[in-house]
Amino acid sequence: MTGPCFCVNVRKHVFYCQRCHRGGNQLDLWAEAVKLPLKPASLNLCCRLHLAPPLLSPIRNLPHRPA
């Protein structure tokens, strides 16, 4: 393959590599760059940026809704 093979669409915040056929958003790209699964890569990025990871609180005592 000759020519550029890595494409980024900054408006849509996505990337795609035509050589390895991988793509995704910024976090997917970071996970690829640091060779970690998505969740550990996101925690790694928060640590490197000195940010607290956004953690979801557990859902408790929600009333049951019929489907």
PDB file of N, CA and C in Angstrom:
ATOM      1  N   MET A   1       0.859  -1.176   0.000  1.00  0.00           N
ATOM      2  CA  MET A   1       0.000   0.000   0.000  1.00  0.00           C
ATOM      3  C   MET A   1       0.902   1.235   0.000  1.00  0.00           C
ATOM      4  N   THR A   2       0.630   2.153  -0.888  1.00  0.00           N
ATOM      5  CA  THR A   2       1.394   3.395  -0.935  1.00  0.00           C
ATOM      6  C   THR A   2       0.489   4.564  -0.612  1.00  0.00           C
ATOM      7  N   GLY A   3       1.082   5.649  -0.199  1.00  0.00           N
ATOM      8  CA  GLY A   3       0.305   6.832   0.129  1.00  0.00           C
ATOM      9  C   GLY A   3      -0.179   6.811   1.557  1.00  0.00           C
ATOM     10  N   PRO A   4      -0.922   7.843   1.951  1.00  0.00           N
ATOM     11  CA  PRO A   4      -1.401   7.929   3.334  1.00  0.00           C
ATOM     12  C   PRO A   4      -2.379   6.802   3.653  1.00  0.00           C
ATOM     13  N   CYS A   5      -2.263   6.283   4.864  1.00  0.00           N
ATOM     14  CA  CYS A   5      -3.173   5.205   5.253  1.00  0.00           C
ATOM     15  C   CYS A   5      -3.887   5.514   6.557  1.00  0.00           C
ATOM     16  N   PHE A   6      -3.556   6.638   7.199  1.00  0.00           N
ATOM     17  CA  PHE A   6      -4.173   6.995   8.472  1.00  0.00           C
ATOM     18  C   PHE A   6      -5.006   8.247   8.270  1.00  0.00           C
ATOM     19  N   CYS A   7      -6.293   8.162   8.564  1.00  0.00           N
ATOM     20  CA  CYS A   7      -7.208   9.284   8.336  1.00  0.00           C
ATOM     21  C   CYS A   7      -7.834   9.714   9.658  1.00  0.00           C
ATOM     22  N   VAL A   8      -8.005  11.021   9.809  1.00  0.00           N
ATOM     23  CA  VAL A   8      -8.655  11.582  10.992  1.00  0.00           C
ATOM     24  C   VAL A   8      -9.726  12.561  10.533  1.00  0.00           C
ATOM     25  N   ASN A   9     -10.913  12.443  11.100  1.00  0.00           N
ATOM     26  CA  ASN A   9     -11.979  13.401  10.854  1.00  0.00           C
ATOM     27  C   ASN A   9     -12.173  14.172  12.158  1.00  0.00           C
ATOM     28  N   VAL A  10     -11.647  15.395  12.192  1.00  0.00           N
ATOM     29  CA  VAL A  10     -11.702  16.167  13.443  1.00  0.00           C
ATOM     30  C   VAL A  10     -13.111  16.643  13.769  1.00  0.00           C
ATOM     31  N   ARG A  11     -13.951  16.787  12.780  1.00  0.00           N
ATOM     32  CA  ARG A  11     -15.344  17.190  13.061  1.00  0.00           C
ATOM     33  C   ARG A  11     -16.119  16.091  13.759  1.00  0.00           C
ATOM     34  N   LYS A  12     -15.887  14.860  13.322  1.00  0.00           N
ATOM     35  CA  LYS A  12     -16.593  13.722  13.910  1.00  0.00           C
ATOM     36  C   LYS A  12     -15.813  13.086  15.059  1.00  0.00           C
ATOM     37  N   HIS A  13     -14.582  13.543  15.287  1.00  0.00           N
ATOM     38  CA  HIS A  13     -13.732  13.022  16.358  1.00  0.00           C
ATOM     39  C   HIS A  13     -13.475  11.525  16.204  1.00  0.00           C
ATOM     40  N   VAL A  14     -13.125  11.109  14.993  1.00  0.00           N
ATOM     41  CA  VAL A  14     -12.852   9.704  14.728  1.00  0.00           C
ATOM     42  C   VAL A  14     -11.573   9.564  13.904  1.00  0.00           C
ATOM     43  N   PHE A  15     -10.993   8.352  13.958  1.00  0.00           N
ATOM     44  CA  PHE A  15      -9.832   8.024  13.140  1.00  0.00           C
ATOM     45  C   PHE A  15     -10.076   6.683  12.471  1.00  0.00           C
ATOM     46  N   TYR A  16      -9.286   6.417  11.416  1.00  0.00           N
ATOM     47  CA  TYR A  16      -9.347   5.122  10.745  1.00  0.00           C
ATOM     48  C   TYR A  16      -8.011   4.847  10.077  1.00  0.00           C
ATOM     49  N   CYS A  17      -7.481   3.656  10.286  1.00  0.00           N
ATOM     50  CA  CYS A  17      -6.249   3.225   9.632  1.00  0.00           C
ATOM     51  C   CYS A  17      -6.616   2.242   8.534  1.00  0.00           C
ATOM     52  N   GLN A  18      -6.282   2.591   7.308  1.00  0.00           N
ATOM     53  CA  GLN A  18      -6.611   1.720   6.185  1.00  0.00           C
ATOM     54  C   GLN A  18      -5.681   0.519   6.095  1.00  0.00           C
ATOM     55  N   ARG A  19      -4.547   0.595   6.758  1.00  0.00           N
ATOM     56  CA  ARG A  19      -3.609  -0.530   6.734  1.00  0.00           C
ATOM     57  C   ARG A  19      -4.065  -1.638   7.682  1.00  0.00           C
ATOM     58  N   CYS A  20      -4.395  -1.289   8.932  1.00  0.00           N
ATOM     59  CA  CYS A  20      -4.783  -2.321   9.906  1.00  0.00           C
ATOM     60  C   CYS A  20      -6.299  -2.409  10.101  1.00  0.00           C
ATOM     61  N   HIS A  21      -7.048  -1.527   9.455  1.00  0.00           N
ATOM     62  CA  HIS A  21      -8.523  -1.520   9.508  1.00  0.00           C
ATOM     63  C   HIS A  21      -9.055  -1.305  10.922  1.00  0.00           C
ATOM     64  N   ARG A  22      -8.358  -0.470  11.686  1.00  0.00           N
ATOM     65  CA  ARG A  22      -8.833  -0.111  13.016  1.00  0.00           C
ATOM     66  C   ARG A  22      -9.249   1.338  13.000  1.00  0.00           C
ATOM     67  N   GLY A  23     -10.233   1.640  13.824  1.00  0.00           N
ATOM     68  CA  GLY A  23     -10.716   3.004  13.906  1.00  0.00           C
ATOM     69  C   GLY A  23     -11.474   3.206  15.201  1.00  0.00           C
ATOM     70  N   GLY A  24     -11.906   4.429  15.416  1.00  0.00           N
ATOM     71  CA  GLY A  24     -12.672   4.732  16.609  1.00  0.00           C
ATOM     72  C   GLY A  24     -12.544   6.191  16.983  1.00  0.00           C
ATOM     73  N   ASN A  25     -12.783   6.466  18.256  1.00  0.00           N
ATOM     74  CA  ASN A  25     -12.716   7.839  18.748  1.00  0.00           C
ATOM     75  C   ASN A  25     -11.353   8.100  19.392  1.00  0.00           C
ATOM     76  N   GLN A  26     -11.224   9.231  20.070  1.00  0.00           N
ATOM     77  CA  GLN A  26      -9.944   9.611  20.662  1.00  0.00           C
ATOM     78  C   GLN A  26      -9.489   8.606  21.718  1.00  0.00           C
ATOM     79  N   LEU A  27     -10.409   8.117  22.508  1.00  0.00           N
ATOM     80  CA  LEU A  27     -10.045   7.171  23.558  1.00  0.00           C
ATOM     81  C   LEU A  27      -9.601   5.834  22.960  1.00  0.00           C
ATOM     82  N   ASP A  28     -10.254   5.421  21.890  1.00  0.00           N
ATOM     83  CA  ASP A  28      -9.826   4.208  21.191  1.00  0.00           C
ATOM     84  C   ASP A  28      -8.405   4.371  20.652  1.00  0.00           C
ATOM     85  N   LEU A  29      -8.092   5.552  20.135  1.00  0.00           N
ATOM     86  CA  LEU A  29      -6.758   5.822  19.619  1.00  0.00           C
ATOM     87  C   LEU A  29      -5.731   5.784  20.749  1.00  0.00           C
ATOM     88  N   TRP A  30      -6.065   6.360  21.903  1.00  0.00           N
ATOM     89  CA  TRP A  30      -5.158   6.318  23.054  1.00  0.00           C
ATOM     90  C   TRP A  30      -4.922   4.874  23.496  1.00  0.00           C
ATOM     91  N   ALA A  31      -5.979   4.079  23.533  1.00  0.00           N
ATOM     92  CA  ALA A  31      -5.844   2.678  23.928  1.00  0.00           C
ATOM     93  C   ALA A  31      -4.915   1.938  22.966  1.00  0.00           C
ATOM     94  N   GLU A  32      -5.027   2.218  21.685  1.00  0.00           N
ATOM     95  CA  GLU A  32      -4.131   1.610  20.699  1.00  0.00           C
ATOM     96  C   GLU A  32      -2.697   2.081  20.918  1.00  0.00           C
ATOM     97  N   ALA A  33      -2.522   3.366  21.204  1.00  0.00           N
ATOM     98  CA  ALA A  33      -1.180   3.932  21.356  1.00  0.00           C
ATOM     99  C   ALA A  33      -0.456   3.362  22.571  1.00  0.00           C
ATOM    100  N   VAL A  34      -1.171   3.167  23.679  1.00  0.00           N
ATOM    101  CA  VAL A  34      -0.538   2.654  24.900  1.00  0.00           C
ATOM    102  C   VAL A  34      -0.683   1.142  25.032  1.00  0.00           C
ATOM    103  N   LYS A  35      -1.321   0.520  24.053  1.00  0.00           N
ATOM    104  CA  LYS A  35      -1.484  -0.936  24.001  1.00  0.00           C
ATOM    105  C   LYS A  35      -2.140  -1.498  25.262  1.00  0.00           C
ATOM    106  N   LEU A  36      -3.280  -0.868  25.614  1.00  0.00           N
ATOM    107  CA  LEU A  36      -4.075  -1.314  26.758  1.00  0.00           C
ATOM    108  C   LEU A  36      -5.522  -1.481  26.319  1.00  0.00           C
ATOM    109  N   PRO A  37      -6.284  -2.321  27.018  1.00  0.00           N
ATOM    110  CA  PRO A  37      -7.728  -2.363  26.774  1.00  0.00           C
ATOM    111  C   PRO A  37      -8.340  -0.993  27.105  1.00  0.00           C
ATOM    112  N   LEU A  38      -9.541  -0.771  26.657  1.00  0.00           N
ATOM    113  CA  LEU A  38     -10.169   0.543  26.745  1.00  0.00           C
ATOM    114  C   LEU A  38     -10.277   1.092  28.170  1.00  0.00           C
ATOM    115  N   LYS A  39     -10.779   0.301  29.116  1.00  0.00           N
ATOM    116  CA  LYS A  39     -10.951   0.823  30.478  1.00  0.00           C
ATOM    117  C   LYS A  39      -9.615   1.160  31.140  1.00  0.00           C
ATOM    118  N   PRO A  40      -8.618   0.246  31.128  1.00  0.00           N
ATOM    119  CA  PRO A  40      -7.324   0.631  31.700  1.00  0.00           C
ATOM    120  C   PRO A  40      -6.679   1.813  30.972  1.00  0.00           C
ATOM    121  N   ALA A  41      -6.890   1.916  29.672  1.00  0.00           N
ATOM    122  CA  ALA A  41      -6.342   3.050  28.924  1.00  0.00           C
ATOM    123  C   ALA A  41      -6.995   4.358  29.353  1.00  0.00           C
ATOM    124  N   SER A  42      -8.288   4.325  29.623  1.00  0.00           N
ATOM    125  CA  SER A  42      -8.969   5.543  30.061  1.00  0.00           C
ATOM    126  C   SER A  42      -8.481   5.965  31.448  1.00  0.00           C
ATOM    127  N   LEU A  43      -8.252   4.996  32.336  1.00  0.00           N
ATOM    128  CA  LEU A  43      -7.715   5.316  33.659  1.00  0.00           C
ATOM    129  C   LEU A  43      -6.280   5.825  33.551  1.00  0.00           C
ATOM    130  N   ASN A  44      -5.510   5.239  32.644  1.00  0.00           N
ATOM    131  CA  ASN A  44      -4.147   5.689  32.390  1.00  0.00           C
ATOM    132  C   ASN A  44      -4.129   7.137  31.916  1.00  0.00           C
ATOM    133  N   LEU A  45      -5.033   7.472  31.026  1.00  0.00           N
ATOM    134  CA  LEU A  45      -5.101   8.837  30.494  1.00  0.00           C
ATOM    135  C   LEU A  45      -5.487   9.829  31.597  1.00  0.00           C
ATOM    136  N   CYS A  46      -6.458   9.483  32.418  1.00  0.00           N
ATOM    137  CA  CYS A  46      -6.838  10.354  33.535  1.00  0.00           C
ATOM    138  C   CYS A  46      -5.650  10.587  34.458  1.00  0.00           C
ATOM    139  N   CYS A  47      -4.904   9.535  34.758  1.00  0.00           N
ATOM    140  CA  CYS A  47      -3.742   9.652  35.629  1.00  0.00           C
ATOM    141  C   CYS A  47      -2.696  10.576  35.012  1.00  0.00           C
ATOM    142  N   ARG A  48      -2.434  10.411  33.719  1.00  0.00           N
ATOM    143  CA  ARG A  48      -1.430  11.242  33.042  1.00  0.00           C
ATOM    144  C   ARG A  48      -1.843  12.703  32.975  1.00  0.00           C
ATOM    145  N   LEU A  49      -3.153  12.955  32.915  1.00  0.00           N
ATOM    146  CA  LEU A  49      -3.660  14.327  32.849  1.00  0.00           C
ATOM    147  C   LEU A  49      -3.967  14.900  34.237  1.00  0.00           C
ATOM    148  N   HIS A  50      -3.692  14.120  35.284  1.00  0.00           N
ATOM    149  CA  HIS A  50      -3.952  14.536  36.667  1.00  0.00           C
ATOM    150  C   HIS A  50      -5.433  14.868  36.883  1.00  0.00           C
ATOM    151  N   LEU A  51      -6.288  14.005  36.346  1.00  0.00           N
ATOM    152  CA  LEU A  51      -7.734  14.154  36.492  1.00  0.00           C
ATOM    153  C   LEU A  51      -8.288  12.964  37.261  1.00  0.00           C
ATOM    154  N   ALA A  52      -9.302  13.220  38.050  1.00  0.00           N
ATOM    155  CA  ALA A  52      -9.990  12.117  38.719  1.00  0.00           C
ATOM    156  C   ALA A  52     -10.826  11.378  37.675  1.00  0.00           C
ATOM    157  N   PRO A  53     -10.776  10.059  37.682  1.00  0.00           N
ATOM    158  CA  PRO A  53     -11.587   9.326  36.699  1.00  0.00           C
ATOM    159  C   PRO A  53     -13.069   9.526  36.970  1.00  0.00           C
ATOM    160  N   PRO A  54     -13.864   9.697  35.928  1.00  0.00           N
ATOM    161  CA  PRO A  54     -15.312   9.855  36.123  1.00  0.00           C
ATOM    162  C   PRO A  54     -15.924   8.503  36.462  1.00  0.00           C
ATOM    163  N   LEU A  55     -16.325   8.333  37.704  1.00  0.00           N
ATOM    164  CA  LEU A  55     -16.904   7.071  38.151  1.00  0.00           C
ATOM    165  C   LEU A  55     -18.403   7.222  38.294  1.00  0.00           C
ATOM    166  N   LEU A  56     -19.121   6.205  37.879  1.00  0.00           N
ATOM    167  CA  LEU A  56     -20.578   6.202  38.013  1.00  0.00           C
ATOM    168  C   LEU A  56     -20.943   5.663  39.383  1.00  0.00           C
ATOM    169  N   SER A  57     -21.893   6.313  40.023  1.00  0.00           N
ATOM    170  CA  SER A  57     -22.359   5.804  41.307  1.00  0.00           C
ATOM    171  C   SER A  57     -23.303   4.634  41.046  1.00  0.00           C
ATOM    172  N   PRO A  58     -23.325   3.662  41.962  1.00  0.00           N
ATOM    173  CA  PRO A  58     -24.210   2.517  41.758  1.00  0.00           C
ATOM    174  C   PRO A  58     -25.681   2.940  41.813  1.00  0.00           C
ATOM    175  N   ILE A  59     -26.493   2.291  41.028  1.00  0.00           N
ATOM    176  CA  ILE A  59     -27.931   2.573  41.006  1.00  0.00           C
ATOM    177  C   ILE A  59     -28.589   1.716  42.088  1.00  0.00           C
ATOM    178  N   ARG A  60     -29.256   2.381  43.011  1.00  0.00           N
ATOM    179  CA  ARG A  60     -29.887   1.661  44.126  1.00  0.00           C
ATOM    180  C   ARG A  60     -31.341   2.078  44.280  1.00  0.00           C
ATOM    181  N   ASN A  61     -32.122   1.139  44.704  1.00  0.00           N
ATOM    182  CA  ASN A  61     -33.506   1.378  45.098  1.00  0.00           C
ATOM    183  C   ASN A  61     -34.340   2.079  44.019  1.00  0.00           C
ATOM    184  N   LEU A  62     -34.129   1.705  42.772  1.00  0.00           N
ATOM    185  CA  LEU A  62     -34.972   2.243  41.720  1.00  0.00           C
ATOM    186  C   LEU A  62     -36.273   1.458  41.667  1.00  0.00           C
ATOM    187  N   PRO A  63     -37.385   2.134  41.497  1.00  0.00           N
ATOM    188  CA  PRO A  63     -38.639   1.378  41.391  1.00  0.00           C
ATOM    189  C   PRO A  63     -38.642   0.546  40.110  1.00  0.00           C
ATOM    190  N   HIS A  64     -39.227  -0.637  40.200  1.00  0.00           N
ATOM    191  CA  HIS A  64     -39.291  -1.516  39.054  1.00  0.00           C
ATOM    192  C   HIS A  64     -40.311  -0.978  38.048  1.00  0.00           C
ATOM    193  N   ARG A  65     -39.893  -0.864  36.807  1.00  0.00           N
ATOM    194  CA  ARG A  65     -40.797  -0.407  35.746  1.00  0.00           C
ATOM    195  C   ARG A  65     -41.159  -1.590  34.855  1.00  0.00           C
ATOM    196  N   PRO A  66     -42.427  -1.798  34.620  1.00  0.00           N
ATOM    197  CA  PRO A  66     -42.798  -2.894  33.707  1.00  0.00           C
ATOM    198  C   PRO A  66     -42.342  -2.578  32.284  1.00  0.00           C
ATOM    199  N   ALA A  67     -41.919  -3.610  31.595  1.00  0.00           N
ATOM    200  CA  ALA A  67     -41.439  -3.442  30.221  1.00  0.00           C
ATOM    201  C   ALA A  67     -42.566  -3.269  29.233  1.00  0.00           C
TER     202      ALA A  67
END
